[in-house]
Amino acid sequence: EWDNFRKRSAQEYESSKIRATEKLIEALLPVIDDLERACQAAENTNP
């Protein structure tokens, strides 16, 4: 029971860390998309 509790606590801790940074990552995704579109547009128009 203690081993299961320790593993479950570690998983919950990692999940909480992921949820804490998830909002920040979601806010950065449009920036990544814009960089990809800019590079693709420049390559298509004047490679």
ModelCIF file with pLDDT and N, C-alpha, C, O atoms, coordinates in Angstrom:
data_MODEL
#
_entry.id   MODEL 
#
_entity.id                         1 
_entity.type                       polymer 
_entity.pdbx_number_of_molecules   1 
#
_entity_poly.entity_id                      1 
_entity_poly.type                           'polypeptide(L)' 
_entity_poly.nstd_linkage                   no 
_entity_poly.nstd_monomer                   no 
_entity_poly.pdbx_seq_one_letter_code       EWDNFRKRSAQEYESSKIRATEKLIEALLPVIDDLERACQAAENTNP 
_entity_poly.pdbx_seq_one_letter_code_can   EWDNFRKRSAQEYESSKIRATEKLIEALLPVIDDLERACQAAENTNP 
_entity_poly.pdbx_strand_id                 A 
#
loop_
_entity_poly_seq.entity_id 
_entity_poly_seq.num 
_entity_poly_seq.mon_id 
_entity_poly_seq.hetero 
1 1  GLU n 
1 2  TRP n 
1 3  ASP n 
1 4  ASN n 
1 5  PHE n 
1 6  ARG n 
1 7  LYS n 
1 8  ARG n 
1 9  SER n 
1 10 ALA n 
1 11 GLN n 
1 12 GLU n 
1 13 TYR n 
1 14 GLU n 
1 15 SER n 
1 16 SER n 
1 17 LYS n 
1 18 ILE n 
1 19 ARG n 
1 20 ALA n 
1 21 THR n 
1 22 GLU n 
1 23 LYS n 
1 24 LEU n 
1 25 ILE n 
1 26 GLU n 
1 27 ALA n 
1 28 LEU n 
1 29 LEU n 
1 30 PRO n 
1 31 VAL n 
1 32 ILE n 
1 33 ASP n 
1 34 ASP n 
1 35 LEU n 
1 36 GLU n 
1 37 ARG n 
1 38 ALA n 
1 39 CYS n 
1 40 GLN n 
1 41 ALA n 
1 42 ALA n 
1 43 GLU n 
1 44 ASN n 
1 45 THR n 
1 46 ASN n 
1 47 PRO n 
#
_struct_asym.id          A 
_struct_asym.entity_id   1 
#
loop_
_ma_qa_metric.id 
_ma_qa_metric.mode 
_ma_qa_metric.name 
_ma_qa_metric.software_group_id 
_ma_qa_metric.type 
1 global pLDDT . pLDDT 
2 local  pLDDT . pLDDT 
#
_ma_qa_metric_global.metric_id      1 
_ma_qa_metric_global.metric_value   86.17 
_ma_qa_metric_global.model_id       1 
_ma_qa_metric_global.ordinal_id     1 
#
loop_
_ma_qa_metric_local.label_asym_id 
_ma_qa_metric_local.label_comp_id 
_ma_qa_metric_local.label_seq_id 
_ma_qa_metric_local.metric_id 
_ma_qa_metric_local.metric_value 
_ma_qa_metric_local.model_id 
_ma_qa_metric_local.ordinal_id 
A GLU 1  2 91.00 1 1  
A TRP 2  2 91.00 1 2  
A ASP 3  2 91.00 1 3  
A ASN 4  2 92.00 1 4  
A PHE 5  2 91.00 1 5  
A ARG 6  2 91.00 1 6  
A LYS 7  2 91.00 1 7  
A ARG 8  2 90.00 1 8  
A SER 9  2 91.00 1 9  
A ALA 10 2 89.00 1 10 
A GLN 11 2 84.00 1 11 
A GLU 12 2 84.00 1 12 
A TYR 13 2 85.00 1 13 
A GLU 14 2 78.00 1 14 
A SER 15 2 77.00 1 15 
A SER 16 2 80.00 1 16 
A LYS 17 2 76.00 1 17 
A ILE 18 2 74.00 1 18 
A ARG 19 2 75.00 1 19 
A ALA 20 2 79.00 1 20 
A THR 21 2 84.00 1 21 
A GLU 22 2 86.00 1 22 
A LYS 23 2 85.00 1 23 
A LEU 24 2 88.00 1 24 
A ILE 25 2 90.00 1 25 
A GLU 26 2 90.00 1 26 
A ALA 27 2 91.00 1 27 
A LEU 28 2 93.00 1 28 
A LEU 29 2 94.00 1 29 
A PRO 30 2 94.00 1 30 
A VAL 31 2 94.00 1 31 
A ILE 32 2 94.00 1 32 
A ASP 33 2 94.00 1 33 
A ASP 34 2 93.00 1 34 
A LEU 35 2 92.00 1 35 
A GLU 36 2 91.00 1 36 
A ARG 37 2 91.00 1 37 
A ALA 38 2 88.00 1 38 
A CYS 39 2 86.00 1 39 
A GLN 40 2 86.00 1 40 
A ALA 41 2 85.00 1 41 
A ALA 42 2 82.00 1 42 
A GLU 43 2 80.00 1 43 
A ASN 44 2 80.00 1 44 
A THR 45 2 80.00 1 45 
A ASN 46 2 74.00 1 46 
A PRO 47 2 65.00 1 47 
#
loop_
_atom_site.group_PDB 
_atom_site.id 
_atom_site.type_symbol 
_atom_site.label_atom_id 
_atom_site.label_alt_id 
_atom_site.label_comp_id 
_atom_site.label_asym_id 
_atom_site.label_entity_id 
_atom_site.label_seq_id 
_atom_site.pdbx_PDB_ins_code 
_atom_site.Cartn_x 
_atom_site.Cartn_y 
_atom_site.Cartn_z 
_atom_site.occupancy 
_atom_site.B_iso_or_equiv 
_atom_site.pdbx_formal_charge 
_atom_site.auth_seq_id 
_atom_site.auth_comp_id 
_atom_site.auth_asym_id 
_atom_site.auth_atom_id 
_atom_site.pdbx_PDB_model_num 
ATOM 1   N N  . GLU A 1 1  ? 0.828  -1.209 0.000   1.00 91.00 ? 1  GLU A N  1 
ATOM 2   C CA . GLU A 1 1  ? 0.000  0.000  0.000   1.00 91.00 ? 1  GLU A CA 1 
ATOM 3   C C  . GLU A 1 1  ? 0.867  1.265  0.000   1.00 91.00 ? 1  GLU A C  1 
ATOM 4   O O  . GLU A 1 1  ? 0.560  2.236  -0.691  1.00 91.00 ? 1  GLU A O  1 
ATOM 5   N N  . TRP A 1 2  ? 1.943  1.240  0.776   1.00 91.00 ? 2  TRP A N  1 
ATOM 6   C CA . TRP A 1 2  ? 2.830  2.404  0.818   1.00 91.00 ? 2  TRP A CA 1 
ATOM 7   C C  . TRP A 1 2  ? 3.517  2.619  -0.539  1.00 91.00 ? 2  TRP A C  1 
ATOM 8   O O  . TRP A 1 2  ? 3.669  3.755  -0.988  1.00 91.00 ? 2  TRP A O  1 
ATOM 9   N N  . ASP A 1 3  ? 3.926  1.531  -1.180  1.00 91.00 ? 3  ASP A N  1 
ATOM 10  C CA . ASP A 1 3  ? 4.568  1.642  -2.488  1.00 91.00 ? 3  ASP A CA 1 
ATOM 11  C C  . ASP A 1 3  ? 3.595  2.201  -3.514  1.00 91.00 ? 3  ASP A C  1 
ATOM 12  O O  . ASP A 1 3  ? 3.967  3.051  -4.323  1.00 91.00 ? 3  ASP A O  1 
ATOM 13  N N  . ASN A 1 4  ? 2.345  1.730  -3.491  1.00 92.00 ? 4  ASN A N  1 
ATOM 14  C CA . ASN A 1 4  ? 1.339  2.254  -4.405  1.00 92.00 ? 4  ASN A CA 1 
ATOM 15  C C  . ASN A 1 4  ? 1.057  3.729  -4.124  1.00 92.00 ? 4  ASN A C  1 
ATOM 16  O O  . ASN A 1 4  ? 0.907  4.527  -5.050  1.00 92.00 ? 4  ASN A O  1 
ATOM 17  N N  . PHE A 1 5  ? 0.989  4.083  -2.845  1.00 91.00 ? 5  PHE A N  1 
ATOM 18  C CA . PHE A 1 5  ? 0.754  5.475  -2.491  1.00 91.00 ? 5  PHE A CA 1 
ATOM 19  C C  . PHE A 1 5  ? 1.903  6.366  -2.964  1.00 91.00 ? 5  PHE A C  1 
ATOM 20  O O  . PHE A 1 5  ? 1.680  7.474  -3.451  1.00 91.00 ? 5  PHE A O  1 
ATOM 21  N N  . ARG A 1 6  ? 3.135  5.871  -2.817  1.00 91.00 ? 6  ARG A N  1 
ATOM 22  C CA . ARG A 1 6  ? 4.301  6.648  -3.247  1.00 91.00 ? 6  ARG A CA 1 
ATOM 23  C C  . ARG A 1 6  ? 4.289  6.861  -4.770  1.00 91.00 ? 6  ARG A C  1 
ATOM 24  O O  . ARG A 1 6  ? 4.547  7.965  -5.249  1.00 91.00 ? 6  ARG A O  1 
ATOM 25  N N  . LYS A 1 7  ? 3.990  5.801  -5.519  1.00 91.00 ? 7  LYS A N  1 
ATOM 26  C CA . LYS A 1 7  ? 3.939  5.923  -6.975  1.00 91.00 ? 7  LYS A CA 1 
ATOM 27  C C  . LYS A 1 7  ? 2.802  6.845  -7.409  1.00 91.00 ? 7  LYS A C  1 
ATOM 28  O O  . LYS A 1 7  ? 2.964  7.671  -8.307  1.00 91.00 ? 7  LYS A O  1 
ATOM 29  N N  . ARG A 1 8  ? 1.641  6.691  -6.754  1.00 90.00 ? 8  ARG A N  1 
ATOM 30  C CA . ARG A 1 8  ? 0.503  7.536  -7.108  1.00 90.00 ? 8  ARG A CA 1 
ATOM 31  C C  . ARG A 1 8  ? 0.782  8.999  -6.800  1.00 90.00 ? 8  ARG A C  1 
ATOM 32  O O  . ARG A 1 8  ? 0.401  9.885  -7.565  1.00 90.00 ? 8  ARG A O  1 
ATOM 33  N N  . SER A 1 9  ? 1.448  9.250  -5.677  1.00 91.00 ? 9  SER A N  1 
ATOM 34  C CA . SER A 1 9  ? 1.800  10.628 -5.323  1.00 91.00 ? 9  SER A CA 1 
ATOM 35  C C  . SER A 1 9  ? 2.778  11.225 -6.336  1.00 91.00 ? 9  SER A C  1 
ATOM 36  O O  . SER A 1 9  ? 2.663  12.392 -6.711  1.00 91.00 ? 9  SER A O  1 
ATOM 37  N N  . ALA A 1 10 ? 3.750  10.405 -6.777  1.00 89.00 ? 10 ALA A N  1 
ATOM 38  C CA . ALA A 1 10 ? 4.712  10.889 -7.767  1.00 89.00 ? 10 ALA A CA 1 
ATOM 39  C C  . ALA A 1 10 ? 4.021  11.205 -9.087  1.00 89.00 ? 10 ALA A C  1 
ATOM 40  O O  . ALA A 1 10 ? 4.342  12.201 -9.734  1.00 89.00 ? 10 ALA A O  1 
ATOM 41  N N  . GLN A 1 11 ? 3.070  10.357 -9.490  1.00 84.00 ? 11 GLN A N  1 
ATOM 42  C CA . GLN A 1 11 ? 2.336  10.608 -10.725 1.00 84.00 ? 11 GLN A CA 1 
ATOM 43  C C  . GLN A 1 11 ? 1.480  11.864 -10.616 1.00 84.00 ? 11 GLN A C  1 
ATOM 44  O O  . GLN A 1 11 ? 1.419  12.668 -11.547 1.00 84.00 ? 11 GLN A O  1 
ATOM 45  N N  . GLU A 1 12 ? 0.819  12.024 -9.470  1.00 84.00 ? 12 GLU A N  1 
ATOM 46  C CA . GLU A 1 12 ? 0.002  13.216 -9.280  1.00 84.00 ? 12 GLU A CA 1 
ATOM 47  C C  . GLU A 1 12 ? 0.852  14.473 -9.266  1.00 84.00 ? 12 GLU A C  1 
ATOM 48  O O  . GLU A 1 12 ? 0.435  15.521 -9.758  1.00 84.00 ? 12 GLU A O  1 
ATOM 49  N N  . TYR A 1 13 ? 2.060  14.362 -8.692  1.00 85.00 ? 13 TYR A N  1 
ATOM 50  C CA . TYR A 1 13 ? 2.956  15.524 -8.681  1.00 85.00 ? 13 TYR A CA 1 
ATOM 51  C C  . TYR A 1 13 ? 3.384  15.891 -10.096 1.00 85.00 ? 13 TYR A C  1 
ATOM 52  O O  . TYR A 1 13 ? 3.398  17.067 -10.461 1.00 85.00 ? 13 TYR A O  1 
ATOM 53  N N  . GLU A 1 14 ? 3.733  14.884 -10.891 1.00 78.00 ? 14 GLU A N  1 
ATOM 54  C CA . GLU A 1 14 ? 4.121  15.161 -12.278 1.00 78.00 ? 14 GLU A CA 1 
ATOM 55  C C  . GLU A 1 14 ? 2.938  15.717 -13.070 1.00 78.00 ? 14 GLU A C  1 
ATOM 56  O O  . GLU A 1 14 ? 3.105  16.624 -13.885 1.00 78.00 ? 14 GLU A O  1 
ATOM 57  N N  . SER A 1 15 ? 1.751  15.178 -12.833 1.00 77.00 ? 15 SER A N  1 
ATOM 58  C CA . SER A 1 15 ? 0.569  15.678 -13.536 1.00 77.00 ? 15 SER A CA 1 
ATOM 59  C C  . SER A 1 15 ? 0.270  17.127 -13.159 1.00 77.00 ? 15 SER A C  1 
ATOM 60  O O  . SER A 1 15 ? -0.124 17.928 -14.007 1.00 77.00 ? 15 SER A O  1 
ATOM 61  N N  . SER A 1 16 ? 0.460  17.457 -11.881 1.00 80.00 ? 16 SER A N  1 
ATOM 62  C CA . SER A 1 16 ? 0.226  18.835 -11.449 1.00 80.00 ? 16 SER A CA 1 
ATOM 63  C C  . SER A 1 16 ? 1.228  19.789 -12.090 1.00 80.00 ? 16 SER A C  1 
ATOM 64  O O  . SER A 1 16 ? 0.883  20.919 -12.434 1.00 80.00 ? 16 SER A O  1 
ATOM 65  N N  . LYS A 1 17 ? 2.475  19.329 -12.252 1.00 76.00 ? 17 LYS A N  1 
ATOM 66  C CA . LYS A 1 17 ? 3.471  20.156 -12.924 1.00 76.00 ? 17 LYS A CA 1 
ATOM 67  C C  . LYS A 1 17 ? 3.089  20.386 -14.384 1.00 76.00 ? 17 LYS A C  1 
ATOM 68  O O  . LYS A 1 17 ? 3.241  21.486 -14.916 1.00 76.00 ? 17 LYS A O  1 
ATOM 69  N N  . ILE A 1 18 ? 2.593  19.331 -15.014 1.00 74.00 ? 18 ILE A N  1 
ATOM 70  C CA . ILE A 1 18 ? 2.188  19.452 -16.422 1.00 74.00 ? 18 ILE A CA 1 
ATOM 71  C C  . ILE A 1 18 ? 1.003  20.399 -16.558 1.00 74.00 ? 18 ILE A C  1 
ATOM 72  O O  . ILE A 1 18 ? 0.978  21.241 -17.456 1.00 74.00 ? 18 ILE A O  1 
ATOM 73  N N  . ARG A 1 19 ? 0.016  20.263 -15.665 1.00 75.00 ? 19 ARG A N  1 
ATOM 74  C CA . ARG A 1 19 ? -1.148 21.151 -15.743 1.00 75.00 ? 19 ARG A CA 1 
ATOM 75  C C  . ARG A 1 19 ? -0.760 22.604 -15.470 1.00 75.00 ? 19 ARG A C  1 
ATOM 76  O O  . ARG A 1 19 ? -1.353 23.529 -16.024 1.00 75.00 ? 19 ARG A O  1 
ATOM 77  N N  . ALA A 1 20 ? 0.241  22.792 -14.609 1.00 79.00 ? 20 ALA A N  1 
ATOM 78  C CA . ALA A 1 20 ? 0.670  24.159 -14.299 1.00 79.00 ? 20 ALA A CA 1 
ATOM 79  C C  . ALA A 1 20 ? 1.298  24.837 -15.511 1.00 79.00 ? 20 ALA A C  1 
ATOM 80  O O  . ALA A 1 20 ? 1.151  26.046 -15.689 1.00 79.00 ? 20 ALA A O  1 
ATOM 81  N N  . THR A 1 21 ? 1.995  24.071 -16.345 1.00 84.00 ? 21 THR A N  1 
ATOM 82  C CA . THR A 1 21 ? 2.653  24.646 -17.526 1.00 84.00 ? 21 THR A CA 1 
ATOM 83  C C  . THR A 1 21 ? 1.803  24.531 -18.796 1.00 84.00 ? 21 THR A C  1 
ATOM 84  O O  . THR A 1 21 ? 2.157  25.088 -19.836 1.00 84.00 ? 21 THR A O  1 
ATOM 85  N N  . GLU A 1 22 ? 0.699  23.817 -18.708 1.00 86.00 ? 22 GLU A N  1 
ATOM 86  C CA . GLU A 1 22 ? -0.123 23.606 -19.903 1.00 86.00 ? 22 GLU A CA 1 
ATOM 87  C C  . GLU A 1 22 ? -0.667 24.921 -20.459 1.00 86.00 ? 22 GLU A C  1 
ATOM 88  O O  . GLU A 1 22 ? -0.681 25.120 -21.673 1.00 86.00 ? 22 GLU A O  1 
ATOM 89  N N  . LYS A 1 23 ? -1.107 25.803 -19.595 1.00 85.00 ? 23 LYS A N  1 
ATOM 90  C CA . LYS A 1 23 ? -1.650 27.079 -20.058 1.00 85.00 ? 23 LYS A CA 1 
ATOM 91  C C  . LYS A 1 23 ? -0.585 27.894 -20.776 1.00 85.00 ? 23 LYS A C  1 
ATOM 92  O O  . LYS A 1 23 ? -0.856 28.531 -21.794 1.00 85.00 ? 23 LYS A O  1 
ATOM 93  N N  . LEU A 1 24 ? 0.634  27.866 -20.232 1.00 88.00 ? 24 LEU A N  1 
ATOM 94  C CA . LEU A 1 24 ? 1.722  28.606 -20.878 1.00 88.00 ? 24 LEU A CA 1 
ATOM 95  C C  . LEU A 1 24 ? 2.027  28.020 -22.252 1.00 88.00 ? 24 LEU A C  1 
ATOM 96  O O  . LEU A 1 24 ? 2.236  28.765 -23.209 1.00 88.00 ? 24 LEU A O  1 
ATOM 97  N N  . ILE A 1 25 ? 2.055  26.694 -22.357 1.00 90.00 ? 25 ILE A N  1 
ATOM 98  C CA . ILE A 1 25 ? 2.338  26.051 -23.642 1.00 90.00 ? 25 ILE A CA 1 
ATOM 99  C C  . ILE A 1 25 ? 1.235  26.373 -24.650 1.00 90.00 ? 25 ILE A C  1 
ATOM 100 O O  . ILE A 1 25 ? 1.526  26.655 -25.812 1.00 90.00 ? 25 ILE A O  1 
ATOM 101 N N  . GLU A 1 26 ? -0.013 26.336 -24.221 1.00 90.00 ? 26 GLU A N  1 
ATOM 102 C CA . GLU A 1 26 ? -1.119 26.660 -25.129 1.00 90.00 ? 26 GLU A CA 1 
ATOM 103 C C  . GLU A 1 26 ? -1.004 28.092 -25.639 1.00 90.00 ? 26 GLU A C  1 
ATOM 104 O O  . GLU A 1 26 ? -1.352 28.375 -26.786 1.00 90.00 ? 26 GLU A O  1 
ATOM 105 N N  . ALA A 1 27 ? -0.514 29.001 -24.786 1.00 91.00 ? 27 ALA A N  1 
ATOM 106 C CA . ALA A 1 27 ? -0.343 30.392 -25.225 1.00 91.00 ? 27 ALA A CA 1 
ATOM 107 C C  . ALA A 1 27 ? 0.803  30.532 -26.227 1.00 91.00 ? 27 ALA A C  1 
ATOM 108 O O  . ALA A 1 27 ? 0.788  31.440 -27.058 1.00 91.00 ? 27 ALA A O  1 
ATOM 109 N N  . LEU A 1 28 ? 1.798  29.642 -26.157 1.00 93.00 ? 28 LEU A N  1 
ATOM 110 C CA . LEU A 1 28 ? 2.940  29.712 -27.073 1.00 93.00 ? 28 LEU A CA 1 
ATOM 111 C C  . LEU A 1 28 ? 2.684  29.002 -28.404 1.00 93.00 ? 28 LEU A C  1 
ATOM 112 O O  . LEU A 1 28 ? 3.394  29.261 -29.376 1.00 93.00 ? 28 LEU A O  1 
ATOM 113 N N  . LEU A 1 29 ? 1.712  28.136 -28.472 1.00 94.00 ? 29 LEU A N  1 
ATOM 114 C CA . LEU A 1 29 ? 1.458  27.394 -29.704 1.00 94.00 ? 29 LEU A CA 1 
ATOM 115 C C  . LEU A 1 29 ? 1.135  28.300 -30.892 1.00 94.00 ? 29 LEU A C  1 
ATOM 116 O O  . LEU A 1 29 ? 1.654  28.048 -31.979 1.00 94.00 ? 29 LEU A O  1 
ATOM 117 N N  . PRO A 1 30 ? 0.314  29.333 -30.749 1.00 94.00 ? 30 PRO A N  1 
ATOM 118 C CA . PRO A 1 30 ? 0.090  30.234 -31.892 1.00 94.00 ? 30 PRO A CA 1 
ATOM 119 C C  . PRO A 1 30 ? 1.365  30.928 -32.377 1.00 94.00 ? 30 PRO A C  1 
ATOM 120 O O  . PRO A 1 30 ? 1.511  31.200 -33.568 1.00 94.00 ? 30 PRO A O  1 
ATOM 121 N N  . VAL A 1 31 ? 2.285  31.213 -31.454 1.00 94.00 ? 31 VAL A N  1 
ATOM 122 C CA . VAL A 1 31 ? 3.562  31.819 -31.864 1.00 94.00 ? 31 VAL A CA 1 
ATOM 123 C C  . VAL A 1 31 ? 4.353  30.843 -32.717 1.00 94.00 ? 31 VAL A C  1 
ATOM 124 O O  . VAL A 1 31 ? 4.938  31.230 -33.728 1.00 94.00 ? 31 VAL A O  1 
ATOM 125 N N  . ILE A 1 32 ? 4.374  29.569 -32.312 1.00 94.00 ? 32 ILE A N  1 
ATOM 126 C CA . ILE A 1 32 ? 5.060  28.554 -33.110 1.00 94.00 ? 32 ILE A CA 1 
ATOM 127 C C  . ILE A 1 32 ? 4.407  28.421 -34.478 1.00 94.00 ? 32 ILE A C  1 
ATOM 128 O O  . ILE A 1 32 ? 5.098  28.303 -35.490 1.00 94.00 ? 32 ILE A O  1 
ATOM 129 N N  . ASP A 1 33 ? 3.073  28.439 -34.513 1.00 94.00 ? 33 ASP A N  1 
ATOM 130 C CA . ASP A 1 33 ? 2.366  28.358 -35.794 1.00 94.00 ? 33 ASP A CA 1 
ATOM 131 C C  . ASP A 1 33 ? 2.731  29.528 -36.703 1.00 94.00 ? 33 ASP A C  1 
ATOM 132 O O  . ASP A 1 33 ? 2.945  29.335 -37.900 1.00 94.00 ? 33 ASP A O  1 
ATOM 133 N N  . ASP A 1 34 ? 2.806  30.728 -36.156 1.00 93.00 ? 34 ASP A N  1 
ATOM 134 C CA . ASP A 1 34 ? 3.146  31.903 -36.976 1.00 93.00 ? 34 ASP A CA 1 
ATOM 135 C C  . ASP A 1 34 ? 4.567  31.806 -37.530 1.00 93.00 ? 34 ASP A C  1 
ATOM 136 O O  . ASP A 1 34 ? 4.806  32.181 -38.677 1.00 93.00 ? 34 ASP A O  1 
ATOM 137 N N  . LEU A 1 35 ? 5.488  31.320 -36.748 1.00 92.00 ? 35 LEU A N  1 
ATOM 138 C CA . LEU A 1 35 ? 6.852  31.142 -37.240 1.00 92.00 ? 35 LEU A CA 1 
ATOM 139 C C  . LEU A 1 35 ? 6.899  30.126 -38.375 1.00 92.00 ? 35 LEU A C  1 
ATOM 140 O O  . LEU A 1 35 ? 7.615  30.321 -39.358 1.00 92.00 ? 35 LEU A O  1 
ATOM 141 N N  . GLU A 1 36 ? 6.146  29.054 -38.241 1.00 91.00 ? 36 GLU A N  1 
ATOM 142 C CA . GLU A 1 36 ? 6.106  28.048 -39.302 1.00 91.00 ? 36 GLU A CA 1 
ATOM 143 C C  . GLU A 1 36 ? 5.463  28.617 -40.569 1.00 91.00 ? 36 GLU A C  1 
ATOM 144 O O  . GLU A 1 36 ? 5.953  28.363 -41.670 1.00 91.00 ? 36 GLU A O  1 
ATOM 145 N N  . ARG A 1 37 ? 4.406  29.359 -40.436 1.00 91.00 ? 37 ARG A N  1 
ATOM 146 C CA . ARG A 1 37 ? 3.751  29.945 -41.614 1.00 91.00 ? 37 ARG A CA 1 
ATOM 147 C C  . ARG A 1 37 ? 4.662  30.973 -42.295 1.00 91.00 ? 37 ARG A C  1 
ATOM 148 O O  . ARG A 1 37 ? 4.715  31.051 -43.523 1.00 91.00 ? 37 ARG A O  1 
ATOM 149 N N  . ALA A 1 38 ? 5.378  31.757 -41.484 1.00 88.00 ? 38 ALA A N  1 
ATOM 150 C CA . ALA A 1 38 ? 6.277  32.761 -42.068 1.00 88.00 ? 38 ALA A CA 1 
ATOM 151 C C  . ALA A 1 38 ? 7.381  32.092 -42.878 1.00 88.00 ? 38 ALA A C  1 
ATOM 152 O O  . ALA A 1 38 ? 7.698  32.531 -43.984 1.00 88.00 ? 38 ALA A O  1 
ATOM 153 N N  . CYS A 1 39 ? 7.957  31.048 -42.338 1.00 86.00 ? 39 CYS A N  1 
ATOM 154 C CA . CYS A 1 39 ? 9.016  30.338 -43.062 1.00 86.00 ? 39 CYS A CA 1 
ATOM 155 C C  . CYS A 1 39 ? 8.468  29.674 -44.331 1.00 86.00 ? 39 CYS A C  1 
ATOM 156 O O  . CYS A 1 39 ? 9.125  29.689 -45.372 1.00 86.00 ? 39 CYS A O  1 
ATOM 157 N N  . GLN A 1 40 ? 7.261  29.089 -44.245 1.00 86.00 ? 40 GLN A N  1 
ATOM 158 C CA . GLN A 1 40 ? 6.662  28.440 -45.405 1.00 86.00 ? 40 GLN A CA 1 
ATOM 159 C C  . GLN A 1 40 ? 6.315  29.448 -46.481 1.00 86.00 ? 40 GLN A C  1 
ATOM 160 O O  . GLN A 1 40 ? 6.507  29.184 -47.668 1.00 86.00 ? 40 GLN A O  1 
ATOM 161 N N  . ALA A 1 41 ? 5.806  30.595 -46.079 1.00 85.00 ? 41 ALA A N  1 
ATOM 162 C CA . ALA A 1 41 ? 5.455  31.622 -47.071 1.00 85.00 ? 41 ALA A CA 1 
ATOM 163 C C  . ALA A 1 41 ? 6.696  32.171 -47.759 1.00 85.00 ? 41 ALA A C  1 
ATOM 164 O O  . ALA A 1 41 ? 6.687  32.370 -48.973 1.00 85.00 ? 41 ALA A O  1 
ATOM 165 N N  . ALA A 1 42 ? 7.752  32.418 -47.012 1.00 82.00 ? 42 ALA A N  1 
ATOM 166 C CA . ALA A 1 42 ? 8.985  32.926 -47.613 1.00 82.00 ? 42 ALA A CA 1 
ATOM 167 C C  . ALA A 1 42 ? 9.586  31.908 -48.567 1.00 82.00 ? 42 ALA A C  1 
ATOM 168 O O  . ALA A 1 42 ? 10.130 32.287 -49.605 1.00 82.00 ? 42 ALA A O  1 
ATOM 169 N N  . GLU A 1 43 ? 9.502  30.646 -48.246 1.00 80.00 ? 43 GLU A N  1 
ATOM 170 C CA . GLU A 1 43 ? 10.049 29.613 -49.120 1.00 80.00 ? 43 GLU A CA 1 
ATOM 171 C C  . GLU A 1 43 ? 9.222  29.467 -50.388 1.00 80.00 ? 43 GLU A C  1 
ATOM 172 O O  . GLU A 1 43 ? 9.782  29.219 -51.455 1.00 80.00 ? 43 GLU A O  1 
ATOM 173 N N  . ASN A 1 44 ? 7.911  29.614 -50.300 1.00 80.00 ? 44 ASN A N  1 
ATOM 174 C CA . ASN A 1 44 ? 7.059  29.465 -51.471 1.00 80.00 ? 44 ASN A CA 1 
ATOM 175 C C  . ASN A 1 44 ? 7.177  30.658 -52.427 1.00 80.00 ? 44 ASN A C  1 
ATOM 176 O O  . ASN A 1 44 ? 7.157  30.479 -53.644 1.00 80.00 ? 44 ASN A O  1 
ATOM 177 N N  . THR A 1 45 ? 7.296  31.849 -51.889 1.00 80.00 ? 45 THR A N  1 
ATOM 178 C CA . THR A 1 45 ? 7.329  33.048 -52.740 1.00 80.00 ? 45 THR A CA 1 
ATOM 179 C C  . THR A 1 45 ? 8.706  33.288 -53.352 1.00 80.00 ? 45 THR A C  1 
ATOM 180 O O  . THR A 1 45 ? 8.797  33.633 -54.530 1.00 80.00 ? 45 THR A O  1 
ATOM 181 N N  . ASN A 1 46 ? 9.753  33.118 -52.599 1.00 74.00 ? 46 ASN A N  1 
ATOM 182 C CA . ASN A 1 46 ? 11.088 33.420 -53.095 1.00 74.00 ? 46 ASN A CA 1 
ATOM 183 C C  . ASN A 1 46 ? 12.105 32.487 -52.421 1.00 74.00 ? 46 ASN A C  1 
ATOM 184 O O  . ASN A 1 46 ? 12.807 32.904 -51.499 1.00 74.00 ? 46 ASN A O  1 
ATOM 185 N N  . PRO A 1 47 ? 12.187 31.235 -52.874 1.00 65.00 ? 47 PRO A N  1 
ATOM 186 C CA . PRO A 1 47 ? 13.030 30.254 -52.190 1.00 65.00 ? 47 PRO A CA 1 
ATOM 187 C C  . PRO A 1 47 ? 14.518 30.566 -52.263 1.00 65.00 ? 47 PRO A C  1 
ATOM 188 O O  . PRO A 1 47 ? 15.333 29.815 -51.726 1.00 65.00 ? 47 PRO A O  1 
#
